[in-house]
Amino acid sequence: MQTHSTQSSHPSDIDLIMQVRAGNQAAFEQLYERYAPAIYRYIYYRVGEAELAEDLRSEVFMRMFEDIDRYEDRGWPLSAWLYRIAHDRTVDSVRRRKTRTHVPLEDWNGVCDGPEATMAIKLDREEIAQLMEHLTEEQRQVIRLRFMADLSIQEVAQRIGRSEGAVKALQHRGIQSLARMLNVVAA
């Protein structure tokens, strides 16, 4: 259960939600600043395009703002609700686009030796993205949050509303499945 903060400099999510409901724009801005970077990373690693990720992040927070009156504190962190919205918006976008995702070369942080290395990296990323589609939705979500959004087991558990043990099991099964598929592809 989320607790109400007694410090005015760090109000709890519930305190901020109550203030947003009362029309306090600054409270909405605090929630945005608190969660926007993580939501952006989550979306970006799914769509691979910075501009699209920014647009979808905006949609997530617009949806949060529109539905804030219906939000109920059920003991899960606000971030779980935001990740659910982000997931839904991202899936809708990917379905509409029906194109393969790519990461523009200017956004790639890796060091390449030339066009051959660049192509190999792109093919590896595409292959893993395709293979991840064979995992369960929960396994994909855990792997993306753990390795693409760089969250801890505890943070992932809080965000998806599962126990740490369940997150570890989902991560393990997902990685095992990817390893088996990669071995079959390589053979």
Protein backbone atom coordinates (compact mmCIF):
# COMPACT_ATOMS: atom_id res chain seq x y z
CA MET A 1 0.00 0.00 0.00
CA GLN A 2 1.39 3.39 -0.89
CA THR A 3 1.83 5.75 2.01
CA HIS A 4 1.15 9.43 2.09
CA SER A 5 4.26 11.52 2.36
CA THR A 6 4.77 13.94 5.20
CA GLN A 7 7.55 15.80 3.39
CA SER A 8 6.34 18.48 1.02
CA SER A 9 9.48 18.14 -1.14
CA HIS A 10 8.80 14.46 -1.91
CA PRO A 11 5.06 13.88 -1.96
CA SER A 12 3.84 10.34 -2.59
CA ASP A 13 2.20 9.37 -5.85
CA ILE A 14 -1.18 9.26 -4.11
CA ASP A 15 -0.70 12.78 -2.75
CA LEU A 16 0.18 14.00 -6.24
CA ILE A 17 -2.78 12.20 -7.81
CA MET A 18 -5.11 13.87 -5.33
CA GLN A 19 -3.58 17.25 -6.19
CA VAL A 20 -3.92 16.59 -9.94
CA ARG A 21 -7.58 15.72 -9.41
CA ALA A 22 -7.96 19.07 -7.66
CA GLY A 23 -6.52 20.82 -10.72
CA ASN A 24 -2.92 21.31 -9.58
CA GLN A 25 -0.81 21.43 -12.77
CA ALA A 26 2.46 21.37 -10.81
CA ALA A 27 1.50 18.00 -9.29
CA PHE A 28 0.98 16.57 -12.78
CA GLU A 29 4.40 17.94 -13.78
CA GLN A 30 5.98 16.22 -10.79
CA LEU A 31 4.44 12.88 -11.79
CA TYR A 32 5.61 13.43 -15.35
CA GLU A 33 9.17 14.22 -14.24
CA ARG A 34 9.16 11.21 -11.92
CA TYR A 35 8.07 8.65 -14.54
CA ALA A 36 8.62 10.07 -18.05
CA PRO A 37 12.26 8.95 -18.48
CA ALA A 38 11.54 5.31 -17.57
CA ILE A 39 8.38 5.21 -19.71
CA TYR A 40 10.33 6.64 -22.63
CA ARG A 41 13.07 3.99 -22.29
CA TYR A 42 10.48 1.23 -22.08
CA ILE A 43 8.74 2.42 -25.25
CA TYR A 44 11.95 3.22 -27.12
CA TYR A 45 13.33 -0.27 -26.68
CA ARG A 46 10.12 -1.67 -28.11
CA VAL A 47 9.78 0.62 -31.14
CA GLY A 48 13.41 1.59 -31.78
CA GLU A 49 12.56 5.12 -32.95
CA ALA A 50 13.17 8.16 -30.76
CA GLU A 51 10.46 10.35 -32.29
CA LEU A 52 7.82 7.62 -32.11
CA ALA A 53 8.82 6.83 -28.51
CA GLU A 54 8.39 10.50 -27.60
CA ASP A 55 4.96 10.59 -29.25
CA LEU A 56 3.84 7.43 -27.46
CA ARG A 57 5.17 8.71 -24.14
CA SER A 58 3.05 11.83 -24.64
CA GLU A 59 0.03 9.63 -25.32
CA VAL A 60 0.68 7.69 -22.11
CA PHE A 61 0.68 10.82 -19.98
CA MET A 62 -2.29 12.28 -21.82
CA ARG A 63 -4.19 9.07 -21.10
CA MET A 64 -3.09 9.21 -17.46
CA PHE A 65 -4.30 12.80 -17.19
CA GLU A 66 -7.65 11.97 -18.85
CA ASP A 67 -8.26 8.92 -16.63
CA ILE A 68 -6.79 10.20 -13.35
CA ASP A 69 -10.26 10.53 -11.79
CA ARG A 70 -10.86 6.82 -12.33
CA TYR A 71 -7.49 5.71 -10.91
CA GLU A 72 -7.90 3.67 -7.73
CA ASP A 73 -5.09 2.90 -5.31
CA ARG A 74 -5.19 -0.88 -5.01
CA GLY A 75 -1.80 -1.24 -3.44
CA TRP A 76 0.15 -1.33 -6.71
CA PRO A 77 2.49 1.51 -7.60
CA LEU A 78 1.34 4.15 -10.07
CA SER A 79 4.16 3.01 -12.33
CA ALA A 80 2.39 -0.33 -12.90
CA TRP A 81 -0.60 1.55 -14.31
CA LEU A 82 1.65 3.75 -16.47
CA TYR A 83 3.55 0.74 -17.84
CA ARG A 84 0.25 -0.94 -18.69
CA ILE A 85 -0.84 2.16 -20.62
CA ALA A 86 2.60 2.32 -22.30
CA HIS A 87 2.38 -1.34 -23.23
CA ASP A 88 -1.09 -0.91 -24.75
CA ARG A 89 -0.12 2.24 -26.69
CA THR A 90 3.04 0.57 -27.98
CA VAL A 91 1.25 -2.60 -29.09
CA ASP A 92 -1.37 -0.51 -30.89
CA SER A 93 1.34 1.50 -32.63
CA VAL A 94 3.29 -1.56 -33.72
CA ARG A 95 0.13 -3.18 -35.08
CA ARG A 96 -0.73 -0.02 -37.03
CA ARG A 97 2.73 0.28 -38.51
CA LYS A 98 3.23 -3.42 -39.28
CA THR A 99 6.85 -2.75 -40.17
CA ARG A 100 10.05 -4.07 -38.76
CA THR A 101 11.63 -1.96 -36.09
CA HIS A 102 15.06 -0.52 -36.61
CA VAL A 103 17.46 1.63 -34.69
CA PRO A 104 18.88 4.52 -36.71
CA LEU A 105 22.66 4.39 -36.90
CA GLU A 106 22.98 7.83 -35.32
CA ASP A 107 21.19 6.47 -32.21
CA TRP A 108 23.44 3.42 -31.91
CA ASN A 109 25.93 3.73 -29.08
CA GLY A 110 28.09 0.81 -30.16
CA VAL A 111 31.43 1.12 -31.90
CA CYS A 112 31.44 -0.30 -35.43
CA ASP A 113 34.38 -1.31 -37.57
CA GLY A 114 32.56 -0.59 -40.81
CA PRO A 115 29.48 -1.43 -42.85
CA GLU A 116 29.84 -5.18 -42.27
CA ALA A 117 29.87 -4.77 -38.49
CA THR A 118 26.95 -2.33 -38.64
CA MET A 119 24.93 -4.82 -40.68
CA ALA A 120 25.80 -7.68 -38.34
CA ILE A 121 24.66 -5.67 -35.31
CA LYS A 122 21.40 -4.72 -37.03
CA LEU A 123 20.76 -8.33 -38.04
CA ASP A 124 21.48 -9.55 -34.48
CA ARG A 125 19.03 -7.02 -33.02
CA GLU A 126 16.37 -7.93 -35.59
CA GLU A 127 16.87 -11.65 -34.98
CA ILE A 128 16.50 -11.24 -31.22
CA ALA A 129 13.44 -9.01 -31.68
CA GLN A 130 11.86 -11.66 -33.92
CA LEU A 131 12.72 -14.49 -31.52
CA MET A 132 11.30 -12.54 -28.57
CA GLU A 133 7.93 -12.61 -30.30
CA HIS A 134 7.89 -16.36 -29.57
CA LEU A 135 8.08 -15.72 -25.82
CA THR A 136 5.04 -15.14 -23.65
CA GLU A 137 4.00 -11.51 -23.23
CA GLU A 138 5.09 -11.57 -19.58
CA GLN A 139 8.51 -13.00 -20.47
CA ARG A 140 9.00 -10.29 -23.14
CA GLN A 141 7.95 -7.58 -20.71
CA VAL A 142 10.33 -8.81 -17.98
CA ILE A 143 13.28 -9.13 -20.38
CA ARG A 144 12.68 -5.66 -21.83
CA LEU A 145 12.37 -4.05 -18.40
CA ARG A 146 15.40 -5.91 -17.01
CA PHE A 147 17.83 -5.57 -19.90
CA MET A 148 16.58 -2.71 -22.03
CA ALA A 149 15.21 -0.40 -19.34
CA ASP A 150 17.96 -1.61 -16.95
CA LEU A 151 15.64 -2.14 -13.98
CA SER A 152 16.33 -4.36 -10.97
CA ILE A 153 14.29 -7.50 -10.20
CA GLN A 154 12.54 -5.56 -7.42
CA GLU A 155 11.70 -2.63 -9.71
CA VAL A 156 10.33 -4.95 -12.39
CA ALA A 157 8.22 -6.79 -9.81
CA GLN A 158 6.74 -3.52 -8.62
CA ARG A 159 6.05 -2.28 -12.13
CA ILE A 160 4.29 -5.39 -13.38
CA GLY A 161 2.60 -6.28 -10.10
CA ARG A 162 4.28 -9.66 -9.62
CA SER A 163 6.51 -11.11 -6.90
CA GLU A 164 10.29 -11.01 -7.25
CA GLY A 165 10.30 -14.81 -7.48
CA ALA A 166 7.82 -14.69 -10.36
CA VAL A 167 9.96 -12.10 -12.16
CA LYS A 168 13.07 -14.26 -11.72
CA ALA A 169 11.21 -17.30 -13.06
CA LEU A 170 9.86 -15.37 -16.05
CA GLN A 171 13.31 -13.97 -16.79
CA HIS A 172 14.94 -17.41 -16.50
CA ARG A 173 12.37 -19.14 -18.72
CA GLY A 174 12.52 -16.32 -21.29
CA ILE A 175 16.32 -16.40 -21.50
CA GLN A 176 16.33 -20.21 -21.70
CA SER A 177 13.82 -20.08 -24.56
CA LEU A 178 15.84 -17.46 -26.43
CA ALA A 179 19.02 -19.52 -25.96
CA ARG A 180 17.32 -22.64 -27.35
CA MET A 181 15.96 -20.72 -30.34
CA LEU A 182 19.35 -19.11 -31.01
CA ASN A 183 21.01 -22.54 -30.93
CA VAL A 184 18.46 -23.91 -33.41
CA VAL A 185 18.96 -20.92 -35.71
CA ALA A 186 22.77 -21.22 -35.50
CA ALA A 187 22.74 -24.96 -36.20
